[in-house]
Amino acid sequence: MTLSAPATLLTGLVTLLAILIAIGTAILVARVRRSTGIQPPAMSGDPRLERALRVQGNTVEGFIVFLPALWLAALYFQGWIPPIIGLIWCLGRIFYAAGYVADANRRHFGFAICIFSVLILVVLAGIGLVQAWTVSV
């Protein structure tokens, strides 16, 4: 795998998109705080703020497992599948955020997309690691 390979570049772009989504959730919290007049360090007082904070928190929590799973899959499984699954995760995050902000009961679809994307990346990384291990032994 070289750093200029198309699949590696796409994985890098997906990583940048995921970072922008995480930044976007922080901006969402700031905007909701401004519109509700709730200043930090307050974390409650309006359901819109509480939902925005949950979106941001869950995105950061998901990011912690998504990013290593994406890069392990990209390094060891290789090809176009890992970055495409990573792009699907990013879309799931957007669906999750939009659904949760509108109504807490509408978050499930986006959340499911994210969880399944991470699980697939973990499986791909595992397959790639086992294949790399057996070749080197």
C-alpha atoms as a PDB file:
ATOM      1  CA  MET A   1       0.000   0.000   0.000  1.00  0.00           C
ATOM      2  CA  THR A   2       1.426   3.348  -1.024  1.00  0.00           C
ATOM      3  CA  LEU A   3       0.274   6.708   0.202  1.00  0.00           C
ATOM      4  CA  SER A   4      -0.627   7.813  -3.329  1.00  0.00           C
ATOM      5  CA  ALA A   5      -2.674   4.722  -4.173  1.00  0.00           C
ATOM      6  CA  PRO A   6      -6.277   5.647  -5.036  1.00  0.00           C
ATOM      7  CA  ALA A   7      -7.786   3.557  -2.220  1.00  0.00           C
ATOM      8  CA  THR A   8      -5.409   5.129   0.313  1.00  0.00           C
ATOM      9  CA  LEU A   9      -6.231   8.611  -0.930  1.00  0.00           C
ATOM     10  CA  LEU A  10      -9.949   7.844  -0.703  1.00  0.00           C
ATOM     11  CA  THR A  11      -9.444   6.555   2.848  1.00  0.00           C
ATOM     12  CA  GLY A  12      -7.700   9.833   3.679  1.00  0.00           C
ATOM     13  CA  LEU A  13     -10.570  11.824   2.169  1.00  0.00           C
ATOM     14  CA  VAL A  14     -13.109   9.791   4.143  1.00  0.00           C
ATOM     15  CA  THR A  15     -11.079  10.512   7.281  1.00  0.00           C
ATOM     16  CA  LEU A  16     -11.183  14.248   6.517  1.00  0.00           C
ATOM     17  CA  LEU A  17     -14.943  14.032   5.968  1.00  0.00           C
ATOM     18  CA  ALA A  18     -15.366  12.256   9.315  1.00  0.00           C
ATOM     19  CA  ILE A  19     -13.321  14.998  11.001  1.00  0.00           C
ATOM     20  CA  LEU A  20     -15.515  17.655   9.375  1.00  0.00           C
ATOM     21  CA  ILE A  21     -18.622  15.844  10.604  1.00  0.00           C
ATOM     22  CA  ALA A  22     -17.208  15.814  14.148  1.00  0.00           C
ATOM     23  CA  ILE A  23     -16.446  19.538  13.884  1.00  0.00           C
ATOM     24  CA  GLY A  24     -19.952  20.062  12.503  1.00  0.00           C
ATOM     25  CA  THR A  25     -21.494  18.523  15.597  1.00  0.00           C
ATOM     26  CA  ALA A  26     -19.533  20.956  17.778  1.00  0.00           C
ATOM     27  CA  ILE A  27     -20.782  23.831  15.644  1.00  0.00           C
ATOM     28  CA  LEU A  28     -24.317  22.456  16.033  1.00  0.00           C
ATOM     29  CA  VAL A  29     -23.989  22.634  19.820  1.00  0.00           C
ATOM     30  CA  ALA A  30     -22.702  26.215  19.614  1.00  0.00           C
ATOM     31  CA  ARG A  31     -25.594  27.263  17.370  1.00  0.00           C
ATOM     32  CA  VAL A  32     -28.182  25.635  19.607  1.00  0.00           C
ATOM     33  CA  ARG A  33     -26.609  27.288  22.654  1.00  0.00           C
ATOM     34  CA  ARG A  34     -26.835  30.649  20.916  1.00  0.00           C
ATOM     35  CA  SER A  35     -30.459  30.141  19.866  1.00  0.00           C
ATOM     36  CA  THR A  36     -31.548  28.943  23.320  1.00  0.00           C
ATOM     37  CA  GLY A  37     -29.417  31.372  25.311  1.00  0.00           C
ATOM     38  CA  ILE A  38     -27.985  28.526  27.423  1.00  0.00           C
ATOM     39  CA  GLN A  39     -24.355  29.300  28.153  1.00  0.00           C
ATOM     40  CA  PRO A  40     -21.626  26.846  29.112  1.00  0.00           C
ATOM     41  CA  PRO A  41     -21.122  25.019  31.407  1.00  0.00           C
ATOM     42  CA  ALA A  42     -24.888  24.309  31.493  1.00  0.00           C
ATOM     43  CA  MET A  43     -25.711  21.016  29.786  1.00  0.00           C
ATOM     44  CA  SER A  44     -29.495  21.062  30.074  1.00  0.00           C
ATOM     45  CA  GLY A  45     -32.468  23.352  30.091  1.00  0.00           C
ATOM     46  CA  ASP A  46     -33.793  22.859  26.587  1.00  0.00           C
ATOM     47  CA  PRO A  47     -34.408  19.547  24.790  1.00  0.00           C
ATOM     48  CA  ARG A  48     -32.777  20.931  21.630  1.00  0.00           C
ATOM     49  CA  LEU A  49     -29.524  21.530  23.488  1.00  0.00           C
ATOM     50  CA  GLU A  50     -29.640  18.121  25.118  1.00  0.00           C
ATOM     51  CA  ARG A  51     -30.165  16.429  21.734  1.00  0.00           C
ATOM     52  CA  ALA A  52     -27.354  18.448  20.124  1.00  0.00           C
ATOM     53  CA  LEU A  53     -25.012  17.530  22.971  1.00  0.00           C
ATOM     54  CA  ARG A  54     -25.969  13.854  22.616  1.00  0.00           C
ATOM     55  CA  VAL A  55     -25.294  13.982  18.872  1.00  0.00           C
ATOM     56  CA  GLN A  56     -21.866  15.474  19.519  1.00  0.00           C
ATOM     57  CA  GLY A  57     -21.050  13.032  22.319  1.00  0.00           C
ATOM     58  CA  ASN A  58     -22.180   9.993  20.377  1.00  0.00           C
ATOM     59  CA  THR A  59     -20.257  11.121  17.312  1.00  0.00           C
ATOM     60  CA  VAL A  60     -17.051  11.437  19.327  1.00  0.00           C
ATOM     61  CA  GLU A  61     -17.700   8.041  20.942  1.00  0.00           C
ATOM     62  CA  GLY A  62     -18.252   6.470  17.534  1.00  0.00           C
ATOM     63  CA  PHE A  63     -15.218   8.213  16.058  1.00  0.00           C
ATOM     64  CA  ILE A  64     -12.948   6.484  18.574  1.00  0.00           C
ATOM     65  CA  VAL A  65     -13.749   3.026  17.172  1.00  0.00           C
ATOM     66  CA  PHE A  66     -14.443   4.055  13.578  1.00  0.00           C
ATOM     67  CA  LEU A  67     -11.092   5.631  12.791  1.00  0.00           C
ATOM     68  CA  PRO A  68      -8.806   2.737  13.805  1.00  0.00           C
ATOM     69  CA  ALA A  69     -11.211   0.228  12.232  1.00  0.00           C
ATOM     70  CA  LEU A  70     -11.162   2.197   8.965  1.00  0.00           C
ATOM     71  CA  TRP A  71      -7.370   2.426   8.799  1.00  0.00           C
ATOM     72  CA  LEU A  72      -6.735  -1.160   9.903  1.00  0.00           C
ATOM     73  CA  ALA A  73      -9.117  -2.357   7.197  1.00  0.00           C
ATOM     74  CA  ALA A  74      -7.515  -0.013   4.652  1.00  0.00           C
ATOM     75  CA  LEU A  75      -4.000  -1.192   5.550  1.00  0.00           C
ATOM     76  CA  TYR A  76      -4.593  -4.925   5.797  1.00  0.00           C
ATOM     77  CA  PHE A  77      -7.672  -5.693   3.689  1.00  0.00           C
ATOM     78  CA  GLN A  78      -6.829  -3.011   1.136  1.00  0.00           C
ATOM     79  CA  GLY A  79      -8.802  -2.125  -1.959  1.00  0.00           C
ATOM     80  CA  TRP A  80     -11.827   0.107  -2.370  1.00  0.00           C
ATOM     81  CA  ILE A  81     -14.177  -1.610   0.070  1.00  0.00           C
ATOM     82  CA  PRO A  82     -12.837  -0.082   3.339  1.00  0.00           C
ATOM     83  CA  PRO A  83     -13.057   3.556   2.207  1.00  0.00           C
ATOM     84  CA  ILE A  84     -16.502   2.963   0.696  1.00  0.00           C
ATOM     85  CA  ILE A  85     -17.688   1.489   4.015  1.00  0.00           C
ATOM     86  CA  GLY A  86     -16.087   4.502   5.725  1.00  0.00           C
ATOM     87  CA  LEU A  87     -18.081   6.811   3.476  1.00  0.00           C
ATOM     88  CA  ILE A  88     -21.233   4.914   4.420  1.00  0.00           C
ATOM     89  CA  TRP A  89     -20.336   5.478   8.109  1.00  0.00           C
ATOM     90  CA  CYS A  90     -20.083   9.216   7.409  1.00  0.00           C
ATOM     91  CA  LEU A  91     -23.510   9.217   5.769  1.00  0.00           C
ATOM     92  CA  GLY A  92     -24.875   7.274   8.743  1.00  0.00           C
ATOM     93  CA  ARG A  93     -23.515   9.956  11.091  1.00  0.00           C
ATOM     94  CA  ILE A  94     -25.295  12.642   9.071  1.00  0.00           C
ATOM     95  CA  PHE A  95     -28.569  10.666   9.132  1.00  0.00           C
ATOM     96  CA  TYR A  96     -28.101  10.067  12.865  1.00  0.00           C
ATOM     97  CA  ALA A  97     -27.540  13.760  13.596  1.00  0.00           C
ATOM     98  CA  ALA A  98     -30.407  14.976  11.427  1.00  0.00           C
ATOM     99  CA  GLY A  99     -32.785  12.401  12.863  1.00  0.00           C
ATOM    100  CA  TYR A 100     -31.804  12.961  16.486  1.00  0.00           C
ATOM    101  CA  VAL A 101     -31.989  16.759  16.243  1.00  0.00           C
ATOM    102  CA  ALA A 102     -35.483  16.522  14.734  1.00  0.00           C
ATOM    103  CA  ASP A 103     -36.789  13.872  17.153  1.00  0.00           C
ATOM    104  CA  ALA A 104     -34.836  11.565  19.468  1.00  0.00           C
ATOM    105  CA  ASN A 105     -36.844   8.586  18.165  1.00  0.00           C
ATOM    106  CA  ARG A 106     -35.563   9.184  14.606  1.00  0.00           C
ATOM    107  CA  ARG A 107     -31.910   8.468  15.424  1.00  0.00           C
ATOM    108  CA  HIS A 108     -32.050   4.676  15.044  1.00  0.00           C
ATOM    109  CA  PHE A 109     -31.598   4.404  11.264  1.00  0.00           C
ATOM    110  CA  GLY A 110     -28.404   6.464  11.205  1.00  0.00           C
ATOM    111  CA  PHE A 111     -27.100   4.746  14.322  1.00  0.00           C
ATOM    112  CA  ALA A 112     -27.643   1.305  12.757  1.00  0.00           C
ATOM    113  CA  ILE A 113     -25.767   2.359   9.621  1.00  0.00           C
ATOM    114  CA  CYS A 114     -22.811   3.479  11.746  1.00  0.00           C
ATOM    115  CA  ILE A 115     -22.700   0.369  13.932  1.00  0.00           C
ATOM    116  CA  PHE A 116     -22.917  -2.020  10.983  1.00  0.00           C
ATOM    117  CA  SER A 117     -20.270  -0.032   9.086  1.00  0.00           C
ATOM    118  CA  VAL A 118     -17.840  -0.289  11.999  1.00  0.00           C
ATOM    119  CA  LEU A 119     -18.553  -3.987  12.435  1.00  0.00           C
ATOM    120  CA  ILE A 120     -17.883  -4.612   8.747  1.00  0.00           C
ATOM    121  CA  LEU A 121     -14.630  -2.644   8.953  1.00  0.00           C
ATOM    122  CA  VAL A 122     -13.552  -4.682  11.989  1.00  0.00           C
ATOM    123  CA  VAL A 123     -14.308  -7.919  10.138  1.00  0.00           C
ATOM    124  CA  LEU A 124     -12.380  -6.720   7.069  1.00  0.00           C
ATOM    125  CA  ALA A 125      -9.447  -5.682   9.257  1.00  0.00           C
ATOM    126  CA  GLY A 126      -9.519  -9.091  10.963  1.00  0.00           C
ATOM    127  CA  ILE A 127      -9.566 -10.926   7.649  1.00  0.00           C
ATOM    128  CA  GLY A 128      -6.699  -8.807   6.359  1.00  0.00           C
ATOM    129  CA  LEU A 129      -4.644  -9.297   9.519  1.00  0.00           C
ATOM    130  CA  VAL A 130      -5.138 -13.071   9.447  1.00  0.00           C
ATOM    131  CA  GLN A 131      -4.143 -13.181   5.777  1.00  0.00           C
ATOM    132  CA  ALA A 132      -1.060 -11.057   6.454  1.00  0.00           C
ATOM    133  CA  TRP A 133      -0.158 -13.242   9.427  1.00  0.00           C
ATOM    134  CA  THR A 134      -0.443 -16.492   7.474  1.00  0.00           C
ATOM    135  CA  VAL A 135       1.655 -15.146   4.603  1.00  0.00           C
ATOM    136  CA  SER A 136       4.423 -14.032   6.961  1.00  0.00           C
ATOM    137  CA  VAL A 137       4.555 -17.282   8.939  1.00  0.00           C
END
